[in-house]
């Protein structure tokens, strides 16, 4: 983690999706990185995929307490939804509860087409929930950040081969240009194409592009 933090300013903790971590583990991670560094933490699948955001208050409370060990270095919580979970206004209760439990930014990565409508976008924005801009995108709208526009979060999983394909210089240049339009916020950019080791190279290349754009 310390070596990673020399090159980058943020990381997404994905292992929390599969298993819980002790609060002391999060505290140790926070202590291992410098002050500007921030963590995003993925909400457990027991909440998102098994409970489907319903009747999970105790599970959510435990997760928020554990990840709270990151202290001020907890920058964002990521709620990735299963592809089968359609939008329903009733699900907004989950995000309301989460907003009460934590001061951290929250983003949602829905994967059902029903989430990419003006109604869903408006309700997410009202609760200050950012909608992830994902690649590959299941609809054209899914490629763009939605919901609360002060929390911008890109998750690029690799395409055409998810988790494996590297992104071309042209694709990264287009992303760097898109990031210029979010100059009022600090966007999150996560490369999830880790299976063949492309994520770090893509992240470093994008970092170089964005640094040059700021000169």
C-alpha atoms as a PDB file:
ATOM      1  CA  UNK A   1       0.000   0.000   0.000  1.00  0.00           C
ATOM      2  CA  UNK A   2       2.812   2.427   0.842  1.00  0.00           C
ATOM      3  CA  UNK A   3       4.472   1.895  -2.553  1.00  0.00           C
ATOM      4  CA  UNK A   4       1.113   2.321  -4.315  1.00  0.00           C
ATOM      5  CA  UNK A   5       0.457   5.583  -2.477  1.00  0.00           C
ATOM      6  CA  UNK A   6       3.670   7.068  -3.872  1.00  0.00           C
ATOM      7  CA  UNK A   7       2.167   6.935  -7.400  1.00  0.00           C
ATOM      8  CA  UNK A   8      -1.545   7.394  -6.787  1.00  0.00           C
ATOM      9  CA  UNK A   9      -3.846   9.350  -4.502  1.00  0.00           C
ATOM     10  CA  UNK A  10      -6.706   6.864  -4.117  1.00  0.00           C
ATOM     11  CA  UNK A  11      -7.596   3.184  -4.168  1.00  0.00           C
ATOM     12  CA  UNK A  12     -10.809   1.180  -4.249  1.00  0.00           C
ATOM     13  CA  UNK A  13     -11.090  -1.600  -1.674  1.00  0.00           C
ATOM     14  CA  UNK A  14     -12.919  -4.394  -3.488  1.00  0.00           C
ATOM     15  CA  UNK A  15     -12.269  -7.208  -1.013  1.00  0.00           C
ATOM     16  CA  UNK A  16     -14.896  -5.749   1.342  1.00  0.00           C
ATOM     17  CA  UNK A  17     -17.512  -6.903  -1.164  1.00  0.00           C
ATOM     18  CA  UNK A  18     -16.623 -10.542  -0.473  1.00  0.00           C
ATOM     19  CA  UNK A  19     -15.784 -10.572   3.234  1.00  0.00           C
ATOM     20  CA  UNK A  20     -15.822  -8.218   6.216  1.00  0.00           C
ATOM     21  CA  UNK A  21     -12.655  -6.587   7.534  1.00  0.00           C
ATOM     22  CA  UNK A  22     -12.051  -5.616  11.114  1.00  0.00           C
ATOM     23  CA  UNK A  23     -12.127  -1.938  11.995  1.00  0.00           C
ATOM     24  CA  UNK A  24      -8.497  -2.317  13.096  1.00  0.00           C
ATOM     25  CA  UNK A  25      -7.590  -3.458   9.580  1.00  0.00           C
ATOM     26  CA  UNK A  26      -9.050  -0.301   8.098  1.00  0.00           C
ATOM     27  CA  UNK A  27      -7.232   1.729  10.730  1.00  0.00           C
ATOM     28  CA  UNK A  28      -3.950   0.083   9.756  1.00  0.00           C
ATOM     29  CA  UNK A  29      -4.544   0.825   6.089  1.00  0.00           C
ATOM     30  CA  UNK A  30      -5.293   4.464   6.871  1.00  0.00           C
ATOM     31  CA  UNK A  31      -2.073   4.776   8.882  1.00  0.00           C
ATOM     32  CA  UNK A  32       0.006   3.373   6.017  1.00  0.00           C
ATOM     33  CA  UNK A  33      -0.690   6.164   3.509  1.00  0.00           C
ATOM     34  CA  UNK A  34      -0.043   9.933   3.461  1.00  0.00           C
ATOM     35  CA  UNK A  35      -2.692  12.518   4.288  1.00  0.00           C
ATOM     36  CA  UNK A  36      -3.911  13.354   0.745  1.00  0.00           C
ATOM     37  CA  UNK A  37      -4.641   9.673   0.040  1.00  0.00           C
ATOM     38  CA  UNK A  38      -8.276   8.533   0.037  1.00  0.00           C
ATOM     39  CA  UNK A  39     -10.032   5.156   0.017  1.00  0.00           C
ATOM     40  CA  UNK A  40     -13.219   4.050  -1.673  1.00  0.00           C
ATOM     41  CA  UNK A  41     -14.820   0.977  -0.092  1.00  0.00           C
ATOM     42  CA  UNK A  42     -17.231  -1.393  -1.825  1.00  0.00           C
ATOM     43  CA  UNK A  43     -20.379  -2.264   0.122  1.00  0.00           C
ATOM     44  CA  UNK A  44     -20.646  -6.025   0.848  1.00  0.00           C
ATOM     45  CA  UNK A  45     -22.585  -8.332  -1.450  1.00  0.00           C
ATOM     46  CA  UNK A  46     -24.572  -9.563   1.555  1.00  0.00           C
ATOM     47  CA  UNK A  47     -26.232  -6.136   1.416  1.00  0.00           C
ATOM     48  CA  UNK A  48     -26.358  -5.456  -2.321  1.00  0.00           C
ATOM     49  CA  UNK A  49     -26.827  -8.891  -3.876  1.00  0.00           C
ATOM     50  CA  UNK A  50     -28.357 -11.082  -1.168  1.00  0.00           C
ATOM     51  CA  UNK A  51     -30.506  -8.595   0.749  1.00  0.00           C
ATOM     52  CA  UNK A  52     -30.945  -6.402  -2.366  1.00  0.00           C
ATOM     53  CA  UNK A  53     -30.773  -3.248  -0.203  1.00  0.00           C
ATOM     54  CA  UNK A  54     -33.771  -4.280   1.906  1.00  0.00           C
ATOM     55  CA  UNK A  55     -34.089  -5.235   5.585  1.00  0.00           C
ATOM     56  CA  UNK A  56     -30.326  -4.956   6.045  1.00  0.00           C
ATOM     57  CA  UNK A  57     -29.952  -2.221   8.659  1.00  0.00           C
ATOM     58  CA  UNK A  58     -27.793  -4.298  11.008  1.00  0.00           C
ATOM     59  CA  UNK A  59     -25.503  -5.477   8.190  1.00  0.00           C
ATOM     60  CA  UNK A  60     -25.139  -1.920   6.912  1.00  0.00           C
ATOM     61  CA  UNK A  61     -24.476  -0.523  10.374  1.00  0.00           C
ATOM     62  CA  UNK A  62     -21.720  -3.087  10.967  1.00  0.00           C
ATOM     63  CA  UNK A  63     -20.088  -2.296   7.627  1.00  0.00           C
ATOM     64  CA  UNK A  64     -20.196   1.462   8.212  1.00  0.00           C
ATOM     65  CA  UNK A  65     -18.616   1.002  11.629  1.00  0.00           C
ATOM     66  CA  UNK A  66     -15.837  -1.226  10.247  1.00  0.00           C
ATOM     67  CA  UNK A  67     -14.969   0.977   7.260  1.00  0.00           C
ATOM     68  CA  UNK A  68     -15.173   4.013   9.521  1.00  0.00           C
ATOM     69  CA  UNK A  69     -11.780   2.894  10.799  1.00  0.00           C
ATOM     70  CA  UNK A  70     -10.359   4.754   7.811  1.00  0.00           C
ATOM     71  CA  UNK A  71     -11.372   8.001   9.483  1.00  0.00           C
ATOM     72  CA  UNK A  72     -11.082  11.083   7.235  1.00  0.00           C
ATOM     73  CA  UNK A  73      -9.271   8.984   4.627  1.00  0.00           C
ATOM     74  CA  UNK A  74     -12.571   7.276   3.777  1.00  0.00           C
ATOM     75  CA  UNK A  75     -13.494   9.195   0.656  1.00  0.00           C
ATOM     76  CA  UNK A  76     -16.372   7.214  -0.800  1.00  0.00           C
ATOM     77  CA  UNK A  77     -18.623   4.175  -0.423  1.00  0.00           C
ATOM     78  CA  UNK A  78     -19.458   2.223  -3.585  1.00  0.00           C
ATOM     79  CA  UNK A  79     -22.816   0.453  -3.902  1.00  0.00           C
ATOM     80  CA  UNK A  80     -22.634  -1.888  -6.904  1.00  0.00           C
ATOM     81  CA  UNK A  81     -25.985  -3.463  -7.699  1.00  0.00           C
ATOM     82  CA  UNK A  82     -26.693  -6.848  -9.307  1.00  0.00           C
ATOM     83  CA  UNK A  83     -27.825  -6.725 -12.965  1.00  0.00           C
ATOM     84  CA  UNK A  84     -31.219  -8.149 -11.974  1.00  0.00           C
ATOM     85  CA  UNK A  85     -32.083  -5.373  -9.515  1.00  0.00           C
ATOM     86  CA  UNK A  86     -34.462  -2.913 -11.205  1.00  0.00           C
ATOM     87  CA  UNK A  87     -35.024   0.632 -10.025  1.00  0.00           C
ATOM     88  CA  UNK A  88     -37.779   1.185  -7.484  1.00  0.00           C
ATOM     89  CA  UNK A  89     -38.452   4.335  -5.460  1.00  0.00           C
ATOM     90  CA  UNK A  90     -38.723   2.068  -2.406  1.00  0.00           C
ATOM     91  CA  UNK A  91     -34.997   1.331  -2.669  1.00  0.00           C
ATOM     92  CA  UNK A  92     -34.219   4.975  -1.954  1.00  0.00           C
ATOM     93  CA  UNK A  93     -34.867   4.231   1.715  1.00  0.00           C
ATOM     94  CA  UNK A  94     -31.574   2.335   1.751  1.00  0.00           C
ATOM     95  CA  UNK A  95     -29.667   5.363   0.486  1.00  0.00           C
ATOM     96  CA  UNK A  96     -31.454   7.631   2.958  1.00  0.00           C
ATOM     97  CA  UNK A  97     -30.378   5.352   5.804  1.00  0.00           C
ATOM     98  CA  UNK A  98     -26.812   5.193   4.525  1.00  0.00           C
ATOM     99  CA  UNK A  99     -26.663   8.976   4.300  1.00  0.00           C
ATOM    100  CA  UNK A 100     -27.627   9.215   7.976  1.00  0.00           C
ATOM    101  CA  UNK A 101     -24.997   6.653   8.992  1.00  0.00           C
ATOM    102  CA  UNK A 102     -21.991   8.178   7.226  1.00  0.00           C
ATOM    103  CA  UNK A 103     -20.752  11.633   6.188  1.00  0.00           C
ATOM    104  CA  UNK A 104     -18.779  10.074   3.324  1.00  0.00           C
ATOM    105  CA  UNK A 105     -19.696  10.430  -0.325  1.00  0.00           C
ATOM    106  CA  UNK A 106     -21.737   7.554  -1.763  1.00  0.00           C
ATOM    107  CA  UNK A 107     -21.945   6.318  -5.346  1.00  0.00           C
ATOM    108  CA  UNK A 108     -24.147   3.689  -6.937  1.00  0.00           C
ATOM    109  CA  UNK A 109     -23.233   1.469  -9.884  1.00  0.00           C
ATOM    110  CA  UNK A 110     -26.568   0.119 -11.150  1.00  0.00           C
ATOM    111  CA  UNK A 111     -26.548  -2.517 -13.868  1.00  0.00           C
ATOM    112  CA  UNK A 112     -30.228  -2.705 -14.820  1.00  0.00           C
ATOM    113  CA  UNK A 113     -31.467  -0.412 -17.628  1.00  0.00           C
ATOM    114  CA  UNK A 114     -34.325   0.932 -15.483  1.00  0.00           C
ATOM    115  CA  UNK A 115     -31.857   2.998 -13.426  1.00  0.00           C
ATOM    116  CA  UNK A 116     -30.906   5.185 -16.384  1.00  0.00           C
ATOM    117  CA  UNK A 117     -34.032   7.327 -16.514  1.00  0.00           C
ATOM    118  CA  UNK A 118     -34.736  10.934 -15.487  1.00  0.00           C
ATOM    119  CA  UNK A 119     -36.792   9.720 -12.493  1.00  0.00           C
ATOM    120  CA  UNK A 120     -34.023   7.513 -11.109  1.00  0.00           C
ATOM    121  CA  UNK A 121     -31.405  10.179 -11.773  1.00  0.00           C
ATOM    122  CA  UNK A 122     -33.431  12.845  -9.994  1.00  0.00           C
ATOM    123  CA  UNK A 123     -34.002  10.675  -6.935  1.00  0.00           C
ATOM    124  CA  UNK A 124     -30.325   9.768  -6.666  1.00  0.00           C
ATOM    125  CA  UNK A 125     -29.320  13.408  -7.003  1.00  0.00           C
ATOM    126  CA  UNK A 126     -31.800  14.463  -4.316  1.00  0.00           C
ATOM    127  CA  UNK A 127     -30.099  12.074  -1.884  1.00  0.00           C
ATOM    128  CA  UNK A 128     -26.599  13.229  -2.960  1.00  0.00           C
ATOM    129  CA  UNK A 129     -25.806   9.841  -4.497  1.00  0.00           C
ATOM    130  CA  UNK A 130     -23.512   9.870  -7.526  1.00  0.00           C
ATOM    131  CA  UNK A 131     -24.165   7.364 -10.303  1.00  0.00           C
ATOM    132  CA  UNK A 132     -21.072   5.600 -11.579  1.00  0.00           C
ATOM    133  CA  UNK A 133     -19.951   6.097 -15.177  1.00  0.00           C
ATOM    134  CA  UNK A 134     -19.110   2.544 -16.237  1.00  0.00           C
ATOM    135  CA  UNK A 135     -17.343   0.935 -19.153  1.00  0.00           C
ATOM    136  CA  UNK A 136     -18.591  -1.247 -20.745  1.00  0.00           C
ATOM    137  CA  UNK A 137     -21.851   0.669 -20.535  1.00  0.00           C
ATOM    138  CA  UNK A 138     -25.180  -1.150 -20.756  1.00  0.00           C
ATOM    139  CA  UNK A 139     -26.838   1.991 -22.160  1.00  0.00           C
ATOM    140  CA  UNK A 140     -25.361   5.226 -23.561  1.00  0.00           C
ATOM    141  CA  UNK A 141     -26.374   6.998 -20.337  1.00  0.00           C
ATOM    142  CA  UNK A 142     -24.458   4.460 -18.247  1.00  0.00           C
ATOM    143  CA  UNK A 143     -21.175   5.714 -19.721  1.00  0.00           C
ATOM    144  CA  UNK A 144     -21.714   9.160 -18.178  1.00  0.00           C
ATOM    145  CA  UNK A 145     -21.738  10.224 -14.523  1.00  0.00           C
ATOM    146  CA  UNK A 146     -25.260  10.676 -13.193  1.00  0.00           C
ATOM    147  CA  UNK A 147     -27.118  11.466 -10.016  1.00  0.00           C
ATOM    148  CA  UNK A 148     -25.356  13.934  -7.718  1.00  0.00           C
ATOM    149  CA  UNK A 149     -22.933  15.804  -9.943  1.00  0.00           C
ATOM    150  CA  UNK A 150     -20.553  16.783  -7.154  1.00  0.00           C
ATOM    151  CA  UNK A 151     -19.546  13.135  -6.758  1.00  0.00           C
ATOM    152  CA  UNK A 152     -18.140  11.882 -10.055  1.00  0.00           C
ATOM    153  CA  UNK A 153     -16.925   8.290 -10.216  1.00  0.00           C
ATOM    154  CA  UNK A 154     -15.666   6.394 -13.286  1.00  0.00           C
ATOM    155  CA  UNK A 155     -15.238   2.598 -13.176  1.00  0.00           C
ATOM    156  CA  UNK A 156     -13.633   1.207 -16.310  1.00  0.00           C
ATOM    157  CA  UNK A 157     -13.710  -2.581 -16.279  1.00  0.00           C
ATOM    158  CA  UNK A 158     -11.933  -3.192 -19.600  1.00  0.00           C
ATOM    159  CA  UNK A 159     -13.463  -3.693 -23.009  1.00  0.00           C
ATOM    160  CA  UNK A 160     -14.046  -5.609 -25.178  1.00  0.00           C
ATOM    161  CA  UNK A 161     -12.811  -8.209 -22.650  1.00  0.00           C
ATOM    162  CA  UNK A 162     -14.019  -7.207 -19.206  1.00  0.00           C
ATOM    163  CA  UNK A 163     -11.314  -7.176 -16.522  1.00  0.00           C
ATOM    164  CA  UNK A 164      -8.595  -7.935 -19.096  1.00  0.00           C
ATOM    165  CA  UNK A 165      -8.526  -5.554 -22.069  1.00  0.00           C
ATOM    166  CA  UNK A 166      -6.245  -2.546 -21.917  1.00  0.00           C
ATOM    167  CA  UNK A 167      -7.467   0.879 -22.983  1.00  0.00           C
ATOM    168  CA  UNK A 168      -5.926   2.541 -26.012  1.00  0.00           C
ATOM    169  CA  UNK A 169      -4.168   5.924 -25.888  1.00  0.00           C
ATOM    170  CA  UNK A 170      -7.116   7.433 -27.773  1.00  0.00           C
ATOM    171  CA  UNK A 171      -9.624   6.112 -25.227  1.00  0.00           C
ATOM    172  CA  UNK A 172      -7.560   7.504 -22.376  1.00  0.00           C
ATOM    173  CA  UNK A 173      -7.214  10.856 -24.128  1.00  0.00           C
ATOM    174  CA  UNK A 174     -11.004  11.014 -24.486  1.00  0.00           C
ATOM    175  CA  UNK A 175     -11.403  10.238 -20.777  1.00  0.00           C
ATOM    176  CA  UNK A 176      -8.887  12.940 -19.867  1.00  0.00           C
ATOM    177  CA  UNK A 177     -10.904  15.439 -21.913  1.00  0.00           C
ATOM    178  CA  UNK A 178     -14.104  14.350 -20.180  1.00  0.00           C
ATOM    179  CA  UNK A 179     -12.479  14.893 -16.787  1.00  0.00           C
ATOM    180  CA  UNK A 180     -11.777  18.513 -17.685  1.00  0.00           C
ATOM    181  CA  UNK A 181     -15.532  19.100 -17.575  1.00  0.00           C
ATOM    182  CA  UNK A 182     -15.581  18.134 -13.908  1.00  0.00           C
ATOM    183  CA  UNK A 183     -13.151  20.788 -12.724  1.00  0.00           C
ATOM    184  CA  UNK A 184     -15.446  21.763  -9.814  1.00  0.00           C
ATOM    185  CA  UNK A 185     -15.002  18.373  -8.150  1.00  0.00           C
ATOM    186  CA  UNK A 186     -12.318  15.740  -7.660  1.00  0.00           C
ATOM    187  CA  UNK A 187     -13.388  12.819  -9.846  1.00  0.00           C
ATOM    188  CA  UNK A 188     -12.670   9.219  -8.930  1.00  0.00           C
ATOM    189  CA  UNK A 189     -11.232   7.105 -11.751  1.00  0.00           C
ATOM    190  CA  UNK A 190     -10.937   3.393 -11.072  1.00  0.00           C
ATOM    191  CA  UNK A 191      -9.494   0.930 -13.577  1.00  0.00           C
ATOM    192  CA  UNK A 192     -10.835  -2.553 -12.897  1.00  0.00           C
ATOM    193  CA  UNK A 193      -9.075  -4.266 -15.821  1.00  0.00           C
ATOM    194  CA  UNK A 194      -6.692  -6.015 -13.464  1.00  0.00           C
ATOM    195  CA  UNK A 195      -6.735  -9.613 -14.754  1.00  0.00           C
ATOM    196  CA  UNK A 196      -3.868  -9.057 -17.190  1.00  0.00           C
ATOM    197  CA  UNK A 197      -2.209  -6.211 -15.306  1.00  0.00           C
ATOM    198  CA  UNK A 198      -3.475  -3.397 -17.523  1.00  0.00           C
ATOM    199  CA  UNK A 199      -5.000  -1.287 -14.747  1.00  0.00           C
ATOM    200  CA  UNK A 200      -1.803   0.217 -13.358  1.00  0.00           C
ATOM    201  CA  UNK A 201      -0.423   1.079 -16.805  1.00  0.00           C
ATOM    202  CA  UNK A 202      -3.698   2.699 -17.849  1.00  0.00           C
ATOM    203  CA  UNK A 203      -3.871   4.651 -14.590  1.00  0.00           C
ATOM    204  CA  UNK A 204      -0.321   5.933 -14.973  1.00  0.00           C
ATOM    205  CA  UNK A 205      -0.948   6.956 -18.575  1.00  0.00           C
ATOM    206  CA  UNK A 206      -4.131   8.801 -17.616  1.00  0.00           C
ATOM    207  CA  UNK A 207      -2.315  10.476 -14.748  1.00  0.00           C
ATOM    208  CA  UNK A 208       0.273  11.754 -17.204  1.00  0.00           C
ATOM    209  CA  UNK A 209      -2.430  13.068 -19.538  1.00  0.00           C
ATOM    210  CA  UNK A 210      -4.342  14.879 -16.803  1.00  0.00           C
ATOM    211  CA  UNK A 211      -1.155  16.365 -15.380  1.00  0.00           C
ATOM    212  CA  UNK A 212      -0.247  17.816 -18.774  1.00  0.00           C
ATOM    213  CA  UNK A 213      -3.754  19.227 -19.177  1.00  0.00           C
ATOM    214  CA  UNK A 214      -3.328  21.130 -15.898  1.00  0.00           C
ATOM    215  CA  UNK A 215      -0.040  22.733 -16.933  1.00  0.00           C
END
